[in-house]
Amino acid sequence: MPETQIRLPRVAKGKRPQFFDDPAVDQMMTFIIELSAEVSVLYDRVDTIERLLDSKGTISRTDIENYRAPDAVESERMARRDGYLKRVFRMHQNTTLPKAVKSKAKPAPKEKSKKRRK
């Protein structure tokens, strides 16, 4: 039975969530997260190339694309990813921010009641 390809919309609907007071900080965090994901994928791809070269001597692009990591290799990669993400997103606990820089997060606005006053 042939697989049907699912097509997803390329653009998310709705308003983009904002987590920080300054939208530029949200943009910067998005950039860092996306770049971190791309670097992690590159680590895996280089690991694949190195393993194939060790085992075969020469490889083709098809060899790289068709490679499926055994469970032991996948475990190593998961440990590497975990360490990588902990390094990239570590909290700088020894650093204190001046009061002017600390977040001034506002509580979420209360929902207005739909009841009418008499």
C-alpha atoms as a PDB file:
ATOM      1  CA  MET A   1       0.000   0.000   0.000  1.00  0.00           C
ATOM      2  CA  PRO A   2       1.609   3.292  -1.063  1.00  0.00           C
ATOM      3  CA  GLU A   3       2.237   5.892   1.630  1.00  0.00           C
ATOM      4  CA  THR A   4       0.273   9.087   1.291  1.00  0.00           C
ATOM      5  CA  GLN A   5       2.237  12.220   1.862  1.00  0.00           C
ATOM      6  CA  ILE A   6       0.818  14.599   4.428  1.00  0.00           C
ATOM      7  CA  ARG A   7       1.113  18.272   3.581  1.00  0.00           C
ATOM      8  CA  LEU A   8       1.299  20.685   6.475  1.00  0.00           C
ATOM      9  CA  PRO A   9       0.872  24.440   6.239  1.00  0.00           C
ATOM     10  CA  ARG A  10       4.195  26.275   6.032  1.00  0.00           C
ATOM     11  CA  VAL A  11       3.044  29.197   8.137  1.00  0.00           C
ATOM     12  CA  ALA A  12       1.724  28.950  11.685  1.00  0.00           C
ATOM     13  CA  LYS A  13      -1.624  30.583  12.299  1.00  0.00           C
ATOM     14  CA  GLY A  14      -2.307  32.922  15.153  1.00  0.00           C
ATOM     15  CA  LYS A  15      -0.295  35.440  17.080  1.00  0.00           C
ATOM     16  CA  ARG A  16       3.309  34.576  17.898  1.00  0.00           C
ATOM     17  CA  PRO A  17       3.729  33.995  21.646  1.00  0.00           C
ATOM     18  CA  GLN A  18       5.802  36.493  23.596  1.00  0.00           C
ATOM     19  CA  PHE A  19       7.672  35.319  26.695  1.00  0.00           C
ATOM     20  CA  PHE A  20       9.849  38.335  27.528  1.00  0.00           C
ATOM     21  CA  ASP A  21       9.033  42.012  27.961  1.00  0.00           C
ATOM     22  CA  ASP A  22      11.246  42.905  25.009  1.00  0.00           C
ATOM     23  CA  PRO A  23      10.264  41.207  21.707  1.00  0.00           C
ATOM     24  CA  ALA A  24      13.927  41.361  20.633  1.00  0.00           C
ATOM     25  CA  VAL A  25      14.796  38.932  23.444  1.00  0.00           C
ATOM     26  CA  ASP A  26      12.147  36.522  22.130  1.00  0.00           C
ATOM     27  CA  GLN A  27      13.638  36.803  18.639  1.00  0.00           C
ATOM     28  CA  MET A  28      17.130  36.204  19.991  1.00  0.00           C
ATOM     29  CA  MET A  29      16.001  33.124  21.943  1.00  0.00           C
ATOM     30  CA  THR A  30      14.244  31.746  18.853  1.00  0.00           C
ATOM     31  CA  PHE A  31      17.429  32.261  16.857  1.00  0.00           C
ATOM     32  CA  ILE A  32      19.550  30.513  19.495  1.00  0.00           C
ATOM     33  CA  ILE A  33      17.170  27.546  19.740  1.00  0.00           C
ATOM     34  CA  GLU A  34      16.948  27.119  15.959  1.00  0.00           C
ATOM     35  CA  LEU A  35      20.707  27.432  15.531  1.00  0.00           C
ATOM     36  CA  SER A  36      21.280  24.922  18.340  1.00  0.00           C
ATOM     37  CA  ALA A  37      18.992  22.429  16.619  1.00  0.00           C
ATOM     38  CA  GLU A  38      20.846  22.846  13.318  1.00  0.00           C
ATOM     39  CA  VAL A  39      24.250  22.383  14.993  1.00  0.00           C
ATOM     40  CA  SER A  40      22.987  19.238  16.735  1.00  0.00           C
ATOM     41  CA  VAL A  41      21.859  17.800  13.389  1.00  0.00           C
ATOM     42  CA  LEU A  42      25.279  18.607  11.927  1.00  0.00           C
ATOM     43  CA  TYR A  43      26.993  16.793  14.814  1.00  0.00           C
ATOM     44  CA  ASP A  44      24.926  13.685  13.992  1.00  0.00           C
ATOM     45  CA  ARG A  45      25.651  13.959  10.273  1.00  0.00           C
ATOM     46  CA  VAL A  46      29.416  14.310  10.834  1.00  0.00           C
ATOM     47  CA  ASP A  47      29.259  11.350  13.231  1.00  0.00           C
ATOM     48  CA  THR A  48      27.522   9.321  10.506  1.00  0.00           C
ATOM     49  CA  ILE A  49      30.163  10.263   7.936  1.00  0.00           C
ATOM     50  CA  GLU A  50      33.004   9.388  10.300  1.00  0.00           C
ATOM     51  CA  ARG A  51      31.471   6.009  11.204  1.00  0.00           C
ATOM     52  CA  LEU A  52      30.866   5.132   7.551  1.00  0.00           C
ATOM     53  CA  LEU A  53      34.398   6.131   6.588  1.00  0.00           C
ATOM     54  CA  ASP A  54      35.804   4.027   9.436  1.00  0.00           C
ATOM     55  CA  SER A  55      33.828   0.986   8.317  1.00  0.00           C
ATOM     56  CA  LYS A  56      33.849   1.332   4.503  1.00  0.00           C
ATOM     57  CA  GLY A  57      36.780   3.556   3.580  1.00  0.00           C
ATOM     58  CA  THR A  58      34.820   5.423   0.901  1.00  0.00           C
ATOM     59  CA  ILE A  59      31.202   6.511   0.964  1.00  0.00           C
ATOM     60  CA  SER A  60      28.573   8.096  -1.204  1.00  0.00           C
ATOM     61  CA  ARG A  61      25.820  10.557  -0.420  1.00  0.00           C
ATOM     62  CA  THR A  62      23.379   7.643  -0.642  1.00  0.00           C
ATOM     63  CA  ASP A  63      25.327   5.799   2.068  1.00  0.00           C
ATOM     64  CA  ILE A  64      24.981   8.826   4.332  1.00  0.00           C
ATOM     65  CA  GLU A  65      21.266   9.291   3.637  1.00  0.00           C
ATOM     66  CA  ASN A  66      20.479   5.590   4.152  1.00  0.00           C
ATOM     67  CA  TYR A  67      22.492   5.171   7.367  1.00  0.00           C
ATOM     68  CA  ARG A  68      20.427   4.167  10.397  1.00  0.00           C
ATOM     69  CA  ALA A  69      22.280   4.339  13.694  1.00  0.00           C
ATOM     70  CA  PRO A  70      22.247   1.165  15.802  1.00  0.00           C
ATOM     71  CA  ASP A  71      20.860   1.460  19.330  1.00  0.00           C
ATOM     72  CA  ALA A  72      24.349   1.755  20.880  1.00  0.00           C
ATOM     73  CA  VAL A  73      25.263   4.635  18.537  1.00  0.00           C
ATOM     74  CA  GLU A  74      21.915   6.319  19.164  1.00  0.00           C
ATOM     75  CA  SER A  75      22.552   6.098  22.920  1.00  0.00           C
ATOM     76  CA  GLU A  76      25.932   7.811  22.450  1.00  0.00           C
ATOM     77  CA  ARG A  77      24.285  10.519  20.368  1.00  0.00           C
ATOM     78  CA  MET A  78      21.560  11.072  22.960  1.00  0.00           C
ATOM     79  CA  ALA A  79      24.224  11.520  25.655  1.00  0.00           C
ATOM     80  CA  ARG A  80      26.108  13.959  23.409  1.00  0.00           C
ATOM     81  CA  ARG A  81      22.901  15.931  22.691  1.00  0.00           C
ATOM     82  CA  ASP A  82      22.063  16.078  26.376  1.00  0.00           C
ATOM     83  CA  GLY A  83      25.506  17.435  27.257  1.00  0.00           C
ATOM     84  CA  TYR A  84      25.411  19.876  24.338  1.00  0.00           C
ATOM     85  CA  LEU A  85      22.028  21.311  25.330  1.00  0.00           C
ATOM     86  CA  LYS A  86      23.062  21.586  28.966  1.00  0.00           C
ATOM     87  CA  ARG A  87      26.139  23.578  27.920  1.00  0.00           C
ATOM     88  CA  VAL A  88      24.260  25.850  25.515  1.00  0.00           C
ATOM     89  CA  PHE A  89      21.327  26.574  27.831  1.00  0.00           C
ATOM     90  CA  ARG A  90      23.075  26.480  31.190  1.00  0.00           C
ATOM     91  CA  MET A  91      22.052  29.050  33.727  1.00  0.00           C
ATOM     92  CA  HIS A  92      24.765  31.389  34.858  1.00  0.00           C
ATOM     93  CA  GLN A  93      24.076  31.022  38.566  1.00  0.00           C
ATOM     94  CA  ASN A  94      27.095  33.032  39.712  1.00  0.00           C
ATOM     95  CA  THR A  95      25.964  36.071  37.743  1.00  0.00           C
ATOM     96  CA  THR A  96      23.607  38.580  39.273  1.00  0.00           C
ATOM     97  CA  LEU A  97      21.825  41.081  37.105  1.00  0.00           C
ATOM     98  CA  PRO A  98      21.428  44.715  38.056  1.00  0.00           C
ATOM     99  CA  LYS A  99      17.891  45.642  39.120  1.00  0.00           C
ATOM    100  CA  ALA A 100      17.366  47.587  35.888  1.00  0.00           C
ATOM    101  CA  VAL A 101      18.000  44.455  33.794  1.00  0.00           C
ATOM    102  CA  LYS A 102      15.866  41.988  35.750  1.00  0.00           C
ATOM    103  CA  SER A 103      12.596  40.993  34.116  1.00  0.00           C
ATOM    104  CA  LYS A 104       9.599  43.151  34.828  1.00  0.00           C
ATOM    105  CA  ALA A 105       7.099  40.445  33.967  1.00  0.00           C
ATOM    106  CA  LYS A 106       3.517  41.556  34.347  1.00  0.00           C
ATOM    107  CA  PRO A 107       0.802  39.200  35.519  1.00  0.00           C
ATOM    108  CA  ALA A 108      -1.612  38.023  32.864  1.00  0.00           C
ATOM    109  CA  PRO A 109      -4.628  40.325  32.498  1.00  0.00           C
ATOM    110  CA  LYS A 110      -7.769  39.096  34.225  1.00  0.00           C
ATOM    111  CA  GLU A 111     -10.571  37.984  32.003  1.00  0.00           C
ATOM    112  CA  LYS A 112     -13.506  40.356  32.056  1.00  0.00           C
ATOM    113  CA  SER A 113     -16.727  38.912  33.296  1.00  0.00           C
ATOM    114  CA  LYS A 114     -19.517  38.672  30.776  1.00  0.00           C
ATOM    115  CA  LYS A 115     -22.194  39.313  33.400  1.00  0.00           C
ATOM    116  CA  ARG A 116     -23.912  42.647  33.136  1.00  0.00           C
ATOM    117  CA  ARG A 117     -24.220  44.853  36.163  1.00  0.00           C
ATOM    118  CA  LYS A 118     -27.679  46.131  36.981  1.00  0.00           C
END
